[in-house]
């Protein structure tokens, strides 16, 4: 079964570590990960953006919801 770039992005994010756009490109081949992340958010995935000042810019990470609020 061939995995799409989106499938690879979900796999990278599901490991629970923060990844930069540069790291996403290196691991998945996605040139513009922000648009793919936007689509995944629309599908219901909870993907966070860390905008702290880092040498690699914005970082993304995913955490599964922990029950009801």
N, C-alpha and C. Protein backbone atom coordinates (compact mmCIF):
# COMPACT_ATOMS: atom_id res chain seq x y z
N UNK A 1 0.84 -1.18 0.00
CA UNK A 1 0.00 0.00 0.00
C UNK A 1 0.88 1.25 0.00
N UNK A 2 0.61 2.16 -0.90
CA UNK A 2 1.38 3.38 -1.01
C UNK A 2 0.85 4.42 -0.03
N UNK A 3 1.74 4.99 0.73
CA UNK A 3 1.35 6.03 1.67
C UNK A 3 1.46 7.39 1.00
N UNK A 4 0.46 8.23 1.26
CA UNK A 4 0.50 9.58 0.73
C UNK A 4 1.36 10.45 1.64
N UNK A 5 1.68 11.63 1.18
CA UNK A 5 2.46 12.56 2.01
C UNK A 5 1.67 12.93 3.26
N UNK A 6 0.34 13.02 3.12
CA UNK A 6 -0.50 13.32 4.28
C UNK A 6 -0.43 12.20 5.30
N UNK A 7 -0.47 10.95 4.82
CA UNK A 7 -0.34 9.80 5.73
C UNK A 7 0.99 9.84 6.48
N UNK A 8 2.05 10.19 5.76
CA UNK A 8 3.37 10.27 6.39
C UNK A 8 3.43 11.39 7.42
N UNK A 9 2.75 12.52 7.12
CA UNK A 9 2.71 13.63 8.07
C UNK A 9 1.99 13.22 9.35
N UNK A 10 0.87 12.54 9.22
CA UNK A 10 0.13 12.08 10.41
C UNK A 10 0.99 11.14 11.23
N UNK A 11 1.73 10.28 10.57
CA UNK A 11 2.61 9.35 11.29
C UNK A 11 3.70 10.10 12.04
N UNK A 12 4.29 11.10 11.40
CA UNK A 12 5.35 11.90 12.04
C UNK A 12 4.78 12.63 13.25
N UNK A 13 3.62 13.26 13.09
CA UNK A 13 3.01 14.02 14.19
C UNK A 13 2.54 13.12 15.32
N UNK A 14 2.10 11.93 15.00
CA UNK A 14 1.55 11.04 16.03
C UNK A 14 2.62 10.51 16.99
N UNK A 15 3.89 10.74 16.69
CA UNK A 15 4.95 10.31 17.59
C UNK A 15 5.05 11.21 18.81
N UNK A 16 4.32 12.35 18.80
CA UNK A 16 4.24 13.21 19.97
C UNK A 16 5.33 14.24 20.12
N UNK A 17 6.25 14.31 19.18
CA UNK A 17 7.33 15.29 19.27
C UNK A 17 7.01 16.49 18.39
N UNK A 18 7.56 17.63 18.76
CA UNK A 18 7.39 18.82 17.95
C UNK A 18 8.28 18.73 16.72
N UNK A 19 7.73 19.11 15.57
CA UNK A 19 8.50 19.09 14.33
C UNK A 19 8.31 20.41 13.60
N UNK A 20 9.38 20.89 13.00
CA UNK A 20 9.34 22.14 12.24
C UNK A 20 8.92 21.84 10.81
N UNK A 21 8.58 22.89 10.07
CA UNK A 21 8.22 22.74 8.67
C UNK A 21 9.37 22.12 7.88
N UNK A 22 10.59 22.51 8.23
CA UNK A 22 11.78 21.96 7.57
C UNK A 22 11.90 20.45 7.82
N UNK A 23 11.65 20.03 9.05
CA UNK A 23 11.71 18.61 9.38
C UNK A 23 10.59 17.84 8.67
N UNK A 24 9.41 18.45 8.60
CA UNK A 24 8.29 17.81 7.90
C UNK A 24 8.65 17.61 6.44
N UNK A 25 9.25 18.62 5.82
CA UNK A 25 9.65 18.49 4.42
C UNK A 25 10.66 17.35 4.25
N UNK A 26 11.62 17.28 5.14
CA UNK A 26 12.65 16.25 5.04
C UNK A 26 12.07 14.84 5.20
N UNK A 27 11.06 14.70 6.05
CA UNK A 27 10.50 13.37 6.34
C UNK A 27 9.35 12.96 5.42
N UNK A 28 8.65 13.96 4.85
CA UNK A 28 7.46 13.62 4.07
C UNK A 28 7.49 14.12 2.63
N UNK A 29 8.29 15.14 2.37
CA UNK A 29 8.32 15.72 1.03
C UNK A 29 7.30 16.83 0.83
N UNK A 30 6.54 17.18 1.90
CA UNK A 30 5.56 18.25 1.80
C UNK A 30 6.27 19.59 1.74
N UNK A 31 6.03 20.35 0.69
CA UNK A 31 6.67 21.65 0.54
C UNK A 31 5.97 22.69 1.41
N UNK A 32 4.63 22.62 1.53
CA UNK A 32 3.87 23.57 2.32
C UNK A 32 3.04 22.82 3.35
N UNK A 33 3.65 22.42 4.47
CA UNK A 33 2.91 21.61 5.45
C UNK A 33 1.76 22.35 6.11
N UNK A 34 1.80 23.67 6.16
CA UNK A 34 0.73 24.41 6.84
C UNK A 34 -0.62 24.19 6.19
N UNK A 35 -0.68 24.08 4.87
CA UNK A 35 -1.96 23.84 4.20
C UNK A 35 -2.47 22.43 4.48
N UNK A 36 -1.57 21.46 4.53
CA UNK A 36 -1.98 20.09 4.85
C UNK A 36 -2.44 20.00 6.29
N UNK A 37 -1.75 20.68 7.19
CA UNK A 37 -2.15 20.70 8.59
C UNK A 37 -3.52 21.35 8.73
N UNK A 38 -3.78 22.40 7.98
CA UNK A 38 -5.09 23.04 8.00
C UNK A 38 -6.19 22.05 7.59
N UNK A 39 -5.96 21.30 6.53
CA UNK A 39 -6.94 20.29 6.08
C UNK A 39 -7.14 19.20 7.13
N UNK A 40 -6.06 18.77 7.78
CA UNK A 40 -6.18 17.75 8.82
C UNK A 40 -6.97 18.28 10.01
N UNK A 41 -6.78 19.55 10.33
CA UNK A 41 -7.56 20.16 11.42
C UNK A 41 -9.04 20.19 11.06
N UNK A 42 -9.34 20.49 9.81
CA UNK A 42 -10.74 20.50 9.36
C UNK A 42 -11.36 19.11 9.46
N UNK A 43 -10.54 18.07 9.35
CA UNK A 43 -11.02 16.70 9.47
C UNK A 43 -11.14 16.25 10.93
N UNK A 44 -10.72 17.10 11.86
CA UNK A 44 -10.90 16.79 13.28
C UNK A 44 -9.64 16.48 14.07
N UNK A 45 -8.48 16.42 13.43
CA UNK A 45 -7.25 16.18 14.18
C UNK A 45 -6.89 17.43 14.97
N UNK A 46 -6.42 17.23 16.19
CA UNK A 46 -6.03 18.35 17.04
C UNK A 46 -4.52 18.51 16.92
N UNK A 47 -4.12 19.45 16.07
CA UNK A 47 -2.69 19.71 15.83
C UNK A 47 -2.39 21.11 16.36
N UNK A 48 -1.41 21.19 17.23
CA UNK A 48 -1.05 22.45 17.85
C UNK A 48 0.11 23.10 17.12
N UNK A 49 0.18 24.42 17.23
CA UNK A 49 1.28 25.19 16.66
C UNK A 49 2.02 25.88 17.79
N UNK A 50 3.33 25.67 17.85
CA UNK A 50 4.17 26.33 18.84
C UNK A 50 4.90 27.46 18.12
N UNK A 51 4.54 28.68 18.46
CA UNK A 51 5.12 29.85 17.77
C UNK A 51 6.23 30.52 18.57
N UNK A 52 6.78 29.81 19.54
CA UNK A 52 7.89 30.38 20.31
C UNK A 52 9.07 30.66 19.39
N UNK A 53 9.89 31.58 19.83
CA UNK A 53 11.08 31.91 19.05
C UNK A 53 12.07 30.75 19.10
N UNK A 54 12.22 30.08 17.99
CA UNK A 54 13.20 29.00 17.88
C UNK A 54 14.02 29.25 16.63
N UNK A 55 15.12 28.57 16.53
CA UNK A 55 15.95 28.72 15.35
C UNK A 55 15.32 28.06 14.11
N UNK A 56 14.31 27.22 14.32
CA UNK A 56 13.67 26.55 13.19
C UNK A 56 12.27 27.08 12.91
N UNK A 57 11.89 28.20 13.51
CA UNK A 57 10.58 28.80 13.26
C UNK A 57 9.46 28.04 13.97
N UNK A 58 8.30 28.04 13.36
CA UNK A 58 7.11 27.41 13.93
C UNK A 58 7.28 25.90 14.00
N UNK A 59 6.78 25.32 15.08
CA UNK A 59 6.79 23.86 15.21
C UNK A 59 5.37 23.37 15.43
N UNK A 60 5.09 22.19 14.94
CA UNK A 60 3.76 21.58 15.06
C UNK A 60 3.86 20.33 15.91
N UNK A 61 2.76 20.03 16.63
CA UNK A 61 2.70 18.77 17.35
C UNK A 61 1.25 18.36 17.54
N UNK A 62 1.05 17.09 17.76
CA UNK A 62 -0.27 16.48 17.90
C UNK A 62 -0.35 15.78 19.24
N UNK A 63 -1.46 15.97 19.90
CA UNK A 63 -1.74 15.22 21.12
C UNK A 63 -3.16 14.72 21.04
N UNK A 64 -3.35 13.46 21.31
CA UNK A 64 -4.70 12.89 21.32
C UNK A 64 -5.49 13.50 22.47
N UNK A 65 -6.76 13.79 22.27
CA UNK A 65 -7.58 14.34 23.36
C UNK A 65 -7.62 13.39 24.55
N UNK A 66 -7.59 13.95 25.74
CA UNK A 66 -7.59 13.16 26.98
C UNK A 66 -8.97 13.21 27.63
N UNK A 67 -9.95 12.58 27.03
CA UNK A 67 -11.29 12.53 27.62
C UNK A 67 -12.11 13.77 27.32
N UNK A 68 -13.25 13.89 27.99
CA UNK A 68 -14.16 15.00 27.78
C UNK A 68 -13.82 16.17 28.69
N UNK A 69 -14.12 17.36 28.23
CA UNK A 69 -13.92 18.57 29.05
C UNK A 69 -15.19 18.94 29.72
